[in-house]
Amino acid sequence: MHITRDIVAKKAKVSSATVSRVFNNPNSVSLELREKVLLVAKDLNYKPNIAASQLRRSGTGVIAVVKVNKTNRPYYWGSLKLFDWFYAQAQKGLLNAIENTSYQLSFYNIKDEKDLIEISKKVDGIIGYDIDSREEEKLFDQINIPCVLAHHIQPNNKKVHVSTNNEYGGQLQAKYLIDKGVKNPLYISGYIDQVLSHTQRLDGIKKYFPNIRVYEINFLENLEINKMVNDLKKYINNDIFDGFVFVNDLVLVKTIARINIDLPLIGYDGAPYVSLIDDVASIDFNISLIYEKALLKVIDMINGKKIVDEIVLPSILF
């Protein structure tokens, strides 16, 4: 037997229109009612008719996730295999948001504004993936369909943003060290002038450790990592620093793979491999939640709702 929307509505004791809103505009339905309808739909193995939904909306039924080409940068974390887990976390959030709707996702890489404008003609909405500079943000200025930018760029008044707060994350790092009794930590970073998020994290730490010493390296070069490790050994032997804070988990892991440090350590990014290491903390900026919220906002905008920016605060992982 073909399961229709009306059958789901009858069993859930709601209107057919409510079932439609659950799948096409989930934020317009209360959580309790949404869960009730989804449970019935799952029991009946109901799948919404995507083609019909598209016709009713007079749209494509497709939302684009757009990544801007960053190959001209001296350093971009997204080009490193050690960060492939990050894409999986972002996709998890996107799937959480879209799985109970009649929309589909499509993924694109773009070089310039021309590419973006062509994509905008084929889809109902756009999510800007890892938009981390005002130059990238400006590419979206001429886009007139619903659009949400994520996850590093801070809001302005032109587009809707769902962002992390790297400065707050740096403050969490500092508070963790203070709770551990650290009074004179060393901050290990790199590409501070080129990567805005690195600058913001340092600014957050300086709220609590204004005179913190910064050890800056090119952490993609093993020779520089090895030199830094040798310096750390000297610092530890001479009791110069009583804790170490890292700009990201990549640098932290590269360090402790070379030297045993029996002092408080904290990284940044909430990388899954850090959880395998005892007595090490990291800052998780909840990437799945950022992209889940970004997609739900795009859907709300498609449905005519007025949407505002949102900051998803980082949290600490022990």
Protein backbone atom coordinates (compact mmCIF):
# COMPACT_ATOMS: atom_id res chain seq x y z
CA MET A 1 0.00 0.00 0.00
CA HIS A 2 1.28 3.47 -0.91
CA ILE A 3 1.62 5.59 2.24
CA THR A 4 0.43 9.13 1.67
CA ARG A 5 0.69 12.29 3.71
CA ASP A 6 -3.00 12.01 4.57
CA ILE A 7 -2.48 8.52 6.03
CA VAL A 8 0.32 9.83 8.24
CA ALA A 9 -1.86 12.76 9.31
CA LYS A 10 -4.77 10.49 10.22
CA LYS A 11 -2.66 8.15 12.35
CA ALA A 12 -0.83 11.07 14.04
CA LYS A 13 -4.20 12.82 14.59
CA VAL A 14 -3.01 16.03 12.95
CA SER A 15 -3.90 17.86 9.75
CA SER A 16 -2.32 17.01 6.43
CA ALA A 17 -0.94 20.56 6.37
CA THR A 18 0.89 19.90 9.66
CA VAL A 19 2.58 16.85 8.16
CA SER A 20 3.64 19.02 5.22
CA ARG A 21 5.11 21.67 7.54
CA VAL A 22 7.05 19.03 9.49
CA PHE A 23 8.84 17.95 6.33
CA ASN A 24 9.11 21.29 4.51
CA ASN A 25 9.32 23.89 7.28
CA PRO A 26 10.21 21.98 10.50
CA ASN A 27 10.89 25.06 12.61
CA SER A 28 7.27 26.16 12.16
CA VAL A 29 6.06 23.15 14.18
CA SER A 30 6.59 22.60 17.90
CA LEU A 31 9.24 20.05 18.85
CA GLU A 32 6.66 17.81 20.55
CA LEU A 33 4.35 17.77 17.53
CA ARG A 34 7.25 17.36 15.11
CA GLU A 35 8.57 14.32 16.97
CA LYS A 36 5.08 12.81 17.07
CA VAL A 37 4.64 13.13 13.28
CA LEU A 38 8.15 11.87 12.54
CA LEU A 39 7.62 8.82 14.75
CA VAL A 40 4.42 7.92 12.90
CA ALA A 41 6.10 8.56 9.54
CA LYS A 42 8.95 6.26 10.51
CA ASP A 43 6.56 3.52 11.66
CA LEU A 44 4.70 3.72 8.33
CA ASN A 45 7.93 4.05 6.31
CA TYR A 46 6.60 7.27 4.80
CA LYS A 47 8.84 9.27 2.48
CA PRO A 48 7.74 12.71 1.25
CA ASN A 49 7.25 13.16 -2.47
CA ILE A 50 10.17 15.41 -3.31
CA ALA A 51 9.07 16.15 -6.86
CA ALA A 52 5.57 17.16 -5.75
CA SER A 53 6.96 19.37 -2.99
CA GLN A 54 9.19 21.13 -5.50
CA LEU A 55 6.25 21.84 -7.79
CA ARG A 56 4.18 23.27 -4.94
CA ARG A 57 7.04 25.55 -3.96
CA SER A 58 7.81 26.48 -7.58
CA GLY A 59 11.45 25.88 -6.71
CA THR A 60 14.17 23.34 -7.35
CA GLY A 61 14.05 21.64 -3.95
CA VAL A 62 17.85 21.91 -3.80
CA ILE A 63 20.04 23.73 -1.29
CA ALA A 64 23.68 24.29 -2.24
CA VAL A 65 26.64 24.01 0.11
CA VAL A 66 29.34 26.20 -1.41
CA LYS A 67 33.05 26.08 -0.64
CA VAL A 68 35.32 28.87 -1.85
CA ASN A 69 38.65 27.82 -3.39
CA LYS A 70 41.49 28.66 -0.97
CA THR A 71 44.44 27.12 -2.83
CA ASN A 72 46.31 30.44 -3.00
CA ARG A 73 46.89 30.50 0.76
CA PRO A 74 50.20 29.63 2.44
CA TYR A 75 48.21 27.65 5.01
CA TYR A 76 44.65 26.33 4.98
CA TRP A 77 43.64 23.70 7.51
CA GLY A 78 41.00 22.25 5.18
CA SER A 79 43.64 21.00 2.75
CA LEU A 80 45.20 18.71 5.39
CA LYS A 81 44.11 15.08 5.66
CA LEU A 82 44.30 15.30 9.45
CA PHE A 83 41.21 17.54 9.25
CA ASP A 84 39.07 15.26 7.07
CA TRP A 85 37.07 14.42 10.20
CA PHE A 86 35.90 18.03 10.21
CA TYR A 87 34.04 17.62 6.91
CA ALA A 88 32.29 14.56 8.32
CA GLN A 89 31.14 16.55 11.36
CA ALA A 90 29.84 19.39 9.19
CA GLN A 91 27.98 16.92 6.96
CA LYS A 92 26.50 15.24 10.02
CA GLY A 93 24.94 18.55 11.03
CA LEU A 94 23.63 19.17 7.52
CA LEU A 95 22.08 15.69 7.37
CA ASN A 96 20.50 16.14 10.81
CA ALA A 97 18.75 19.24 9.50
CA ILE A 98 17.66 17.95 6.10
CA GLU A 99 16.76 14.31 6.69
CA ASN A 100 13.15 15.05 7.63
CA THR A 101 12.51 17.62 4.90
CA SER A 102 11.83 17.28 1.19
CA TYR A 103 14.97 19.23 0.26
CA GLN A 104 18.15 17.85 -1.23
CA LEU A 105 21.75 19.00 -0.78
CA SER A 106 24.23 19.70 -3.54
CA PHE A 107 27.92 20.52 -2.97
CA TYR A 108 30.01 22.94 -5.02
CA ASN A 109 33.52 24.42 -5.14
CA ILE A 110 33.71 27.93 -6.56
CA LYS A 111 36.52 30.19 -7.74
CA ASP A 112 34.75 33.53 -7.99
CA GLU A 113 31.50 35.45 -7.89
CA LYS A 114 30.59 34.34 -11.43
CA ASP A 115 30.57 30.69 -10.33
CA LEU A 116 28.40 31.57 -7.35
CA ILE A 117 25.85 33.49 -9.41
CA GLU A 118 25.48 30.54 -11.81
CA ILE A 119 24.85 28.18 -8.88
CA SER A 120 22.26 30.55 -7.40
CA LYS A 121 20.16 30.15 -10.57
CA LYS A 122 19.87 26.39 -9.98
CA VAL A 123 19.00 26.16 -6.28
CA ASP A 124 16.56 27.53 -3.68
CA GLY A 125 19.15 28.47 -1.07
CA ILE A 126 22.88 28.54 -0.32
CA ILE A 127 25.11 27.77 2.66
CA GLY A 128 28.58 29.30 2.48
CA TYR A 129 31.00 26.72 3.92
CA ASP A 130 33.88 28.01 6.09
CA ILE A 131 33.63 31.62 4.98
CA ASP A 132 36.50 33.10 6.95
CA SER A 133 37.34 36.49 5.42
CA ARG A 134 35.53 39.64 4.34
CA GLU A 135 36.84 39.08 0.80
CA GLU A 136 35.05 35.73 0.65
CA GLU A 137 31.97 37.21 2.27
CA LYS A 138 31.73 39.87 -0.45
CA LEU A 139 31.33 37.15 -3.09
CA PHE A 140 27.84 36.59 -1.71
CA ASP A 141 26.74 40.25 -1.80
CA GLN A 142 24.94 39.89 -5.14
CA ILE A 143 23.15 36.65 -4.24
CA ASN A 144 19.43 37.33 -3.92
CA ILE A 145 18.20 33.90 -2.85
CA PRO A 146 18.22 32.74 0.83
CA CYS A 147 21.83 32.48 1.96
CA VAL A 148 23.58 31.75 5.27
CA LEU A 149 27.32 32.00 5.81
CA ALA A 150 29.25 29.76 8.24
CA HIS A 151 31.38 29.26 10.37
CA HIS A 152 34.34 31.56 11.16
CA ILE A 153 33.25 34.89 9.72
CA GLN A 154 31.61 37.22 12.22
CA PRO A 155 28.24 38.81 11.37
CA ASN A 156 27.72 42.08 9.53
CA ASN A 157 24.52 43.59 8.20
CA LYS A 158 24.46 42.10 4.68
CA LYS A 159 24.01 38.34 5.07
CA VAL A 160 22.83 35.95 7.76
CA HIS A 161 25.63 34.18 9.63
CA VAL A 162 25.92 31.19 11.93
CA SER A 163 29.35 31.57 13.49
CA THR A 164 31.65 30.32 16.17
CA ASN A 165 33.40 32.70 18.56
CA ASN A 166 37.14 32.04 18.52
CA GLU A 167 37.92 34.72 21.09
CA TYR A 168 35.54 33.05 23.54
CA GLY A 169 37.26 29.74 22.79
CA GLY A 170 40.60 31.31 23.68
CA GLN A 171 39.10 32.48 26.96
CA LEU A 172 38.01 28.90 27.68
CA GLN A 173 41.57 27.74 27.09
CA ALA A 174 42.86 30.33 29.55
CA LYS A 175 40.25 29.43 32.19
CA TYR A 176 41.17 25.76 31.91
CA LEU A 177 44.82 26.58 32.60
CA ILE A 178 43.89 28.82 35.53
CA ASP A 179 41.75 26.03 37.01
CA LYS A 180 44.82 23.78 36.75
CA GLY A 181 46.86 26.30 38.72
CA VAL A 182 48.88 27.52 35.73
CA LYS A 183 50.36 30.99 36.17
CA ASN A 184 52.89 31.25 33.33
CA PRO A 185 51.80 29.34 30.20
CA LEU A 186 53.41 29.29 26.77
CA TYR A 187 51.18 29.77 23.72
CA ILE A 188 52.24 27.76 20.67
CA SER A 189 50.78 28.99 17.39
CA GLY A 190 51.47 29.73 13.76
CA TYR A 191 50.26 31.89 10.85
CA ILE A 192 48.82 34.40 13.31
CA ASP A 193 48.96 37.27 10.82
CA GLN A 194 47.45 35.22 7.98
CA VAL A 195 44.69 33.34 9.80
CA LEU A 196 42.11 35.52 11.56
CA SER A 197 40.83 32.71 13.81
CA HIS A 198 44.35 32.23 15.21
CA THR A 199 44.52 35.93 16.06
CA GLN A 200 41.12 35.81 17.74
CA ARG A 201 42.03 32.77 19.85
CA LEU A 202 45.16 34.53 21.08
CA ASP A 203 43.12 37.65 21.88
CA GLY A 204 40.86 35.50 24.06
CA ILE A 205 43.77 34.03 25.99
CA LYS A 206 45.22 37.49 26.55
CA LYS A 207 42.08 38.49 28.45
CA TYR A 208 43.45 36.35 31.29
CA PHE A 209 47.16 36.17 30.44
CA PRO A 210 47.91 39.60 28.93
CA ASN A 211 51.68 39.01 28.91
CA ILE A 212 51.64 35.43 27.66
CA ARG A 213 54.66 34.50 25.59
CA VAL A 214 53.88 33.31 22.05
CA TYR A 215 56.01 30.69 20.32
CA GLU A 216 55.17 30.97 16.62
CA ILE A 217 56.23 28.37 14.06
CA ASN A 218 55.36 27.01 10.64
CA PHE A 219 53.77 23.88 12.07
CA LEU A 220 53.59 22.16 8.69
CA GLU A 221 57.37 21.84 8.68
CA ASN A 222 58.75 18.96 10.76
CA LEU A 223 62.11 20.71 11.17
CA GLU A 224 60.40 23.61 12.91
CA ILE A 225 58.31 21.25 15.04
CA ASN A 226 61.47 19.41 16.11
CA LYS A 227 63.23 22.65 17.00
CA MET A 228 60.20 23.75 19.02
CA VAL A 229 60.16 20.42 20.89
CA ASN A 230 63.84 20.80 21.78
CA ASP A 231 63.11 24.27 23.13
CA LEU A 232 60.18 22.93 25.16
CA LYS A 233 62.48 20.37 26.77
CA LYS A 234 64.74 23.20 27.92
CA TYR A 235 61.79 25.20 29.25
CA ILE A 236 60.48 22.20 31.17
CA ASN A 237 63.88 21.32 32.63
CA ASN A 238 64.32 24.89 33.82
CA ASP A 239 60.74 25.32 35.12
CA ILE A 240 60.23 28.35 32.87
CA PHE A 241 56.61 27.55 31.94
CA ASP A 242 54.01 25.62 33.91
CA GLY A 243 51.52 24.87 31.12
CA PHE A 244 51.15 24.89 27.34
CA VAL A 245 48.29 26.04 25.16
CA PHE A 246 48.10 25.21 21.45
CA VAL A 247 46.38 27.05 18.61
CA ASN A 248 44.93 23.75 17.36
CA ASP A 249 44.97 20.03 18.04
CA LEU A 250 47.25 19.38 15.07
CA VAL A 251 50.13 21.21 16.76
CA LEU A 252 49.32 19.63 20.11
CA VAL A 253 49.42 16.08 18.73
CA LYS A 254 52.59 16.71 16.72
CA THR A 255 54.21 17.97 19.94
CA ILE A 256 53.23 15.22 22.36
CA ALA A 257 54.14 12.58 19.78
CA ARG A 258 57.73 13.78 20.23
CA ILE A 259 57.92 14.62 23.93
CA ASN A 260 56.24 13.56 27.16
CA ILE A 261 54.94 16.66 28.93
CA ASP A 262 53.67 16.26 32.47
CA LEU A 263 52.07 19.70 32.59
CA PRO A 264 48.57 21.01 31.76
CA LEU A 265 47.96 20.98 27.99
CA ILE A 266 45.04 22.27 25.97
CA GLY A 267 44.43 22.41 22.23
CA TYR A 268 41.67 23.67 19.98
CA ASP A 269 39.21 22.12 17.48
CA GLY A 270 37.86 19.16 19.44
CA ALA A 271 39.55 16.71 17.07
CA PRO A 272 38.37 13.12 17.76
CA TYR A 273 41.91 11.77 18.03
CA VAL A 274 42.63 14.05 21.01
CA SER A 275 40.04 12.16 23.09
CA LEU A 276 42.38 9.14 22.93
CA ILE A 277 45.06 11.03 24.85
CA ASP A 278 44.90 11.12 28.64
CA ASP A 279 45.04 14.42 30.57
CA VAL A 280 44.69 16.63 27.50
CA ALA A 281 41.86 19.11 26.89
CA SER A 282 40.60 20.74 23.72
CA ILE A 283 38.08 23.35 22.62
CA ASP A 284 35.18 22.01 20.57
CA PHE A 285 33.40 24.66 18.54
CA ASN A 286 30.46 22.35 17.87
CA ILE A 287 30.76 22.26 14.10
CA SER A 288 27.83 19.87 13.57
CA LEU A 289 25.49 22.23 15.41
CA ILE A 290 26.72 25.23 13.42
CA TYR A 291 25.87 23.62 10.08
CA GLU A 292 22.62 22.13 11.32
CA LYS A 293 21.49 25.60 12.41
CA ALA A 294 22.74 27.17 9.16
CA LEU A 295 20.67 24.78 7.05
CA LEU A 296 17.54 25.20 9.17
CA LYS A 297 17.87 28.97 8.79
CA VAL A 298 18.09 28.66 5.00
CA ILE A 299 14.93 26.56 4.97
CA ASP A 300 13.17 29.12 7.16
CA MET A 301 14.23 31.89 4.80
CA ILE A 302 12.91 29.94 1.81
CA ASN A 303 9.61 29.75 3.66
CA GLY A 304 9.51 33.50 4.15
CA LYS A 305 10.67 33.81 7.74
CA LYS A 306 12.85 36.67 8.91
CA ILE A 307 16.10 35.23 10.24
CA VAL A 308 18.84 36.72 12.42
CA ASP A 309 22.50 35.89 12.97
CA GLU A 310 23.47 33.32 15.55
CA ILE A 311 26.66 32.61 17.49
CA VAL A 312 27.28 29.01 18.56
CA LEU A 313 29.65 29.19 21.52
CA PRO A 314 32.53 26.71 21.80
CA SER A 315 32.74 24.28 24.70
CA ILE A 316 35.61 22.49 26.41
CA LEU A 317 36.37 18.78 26.09
CA PHE A 318 38.41 17.00 28.76
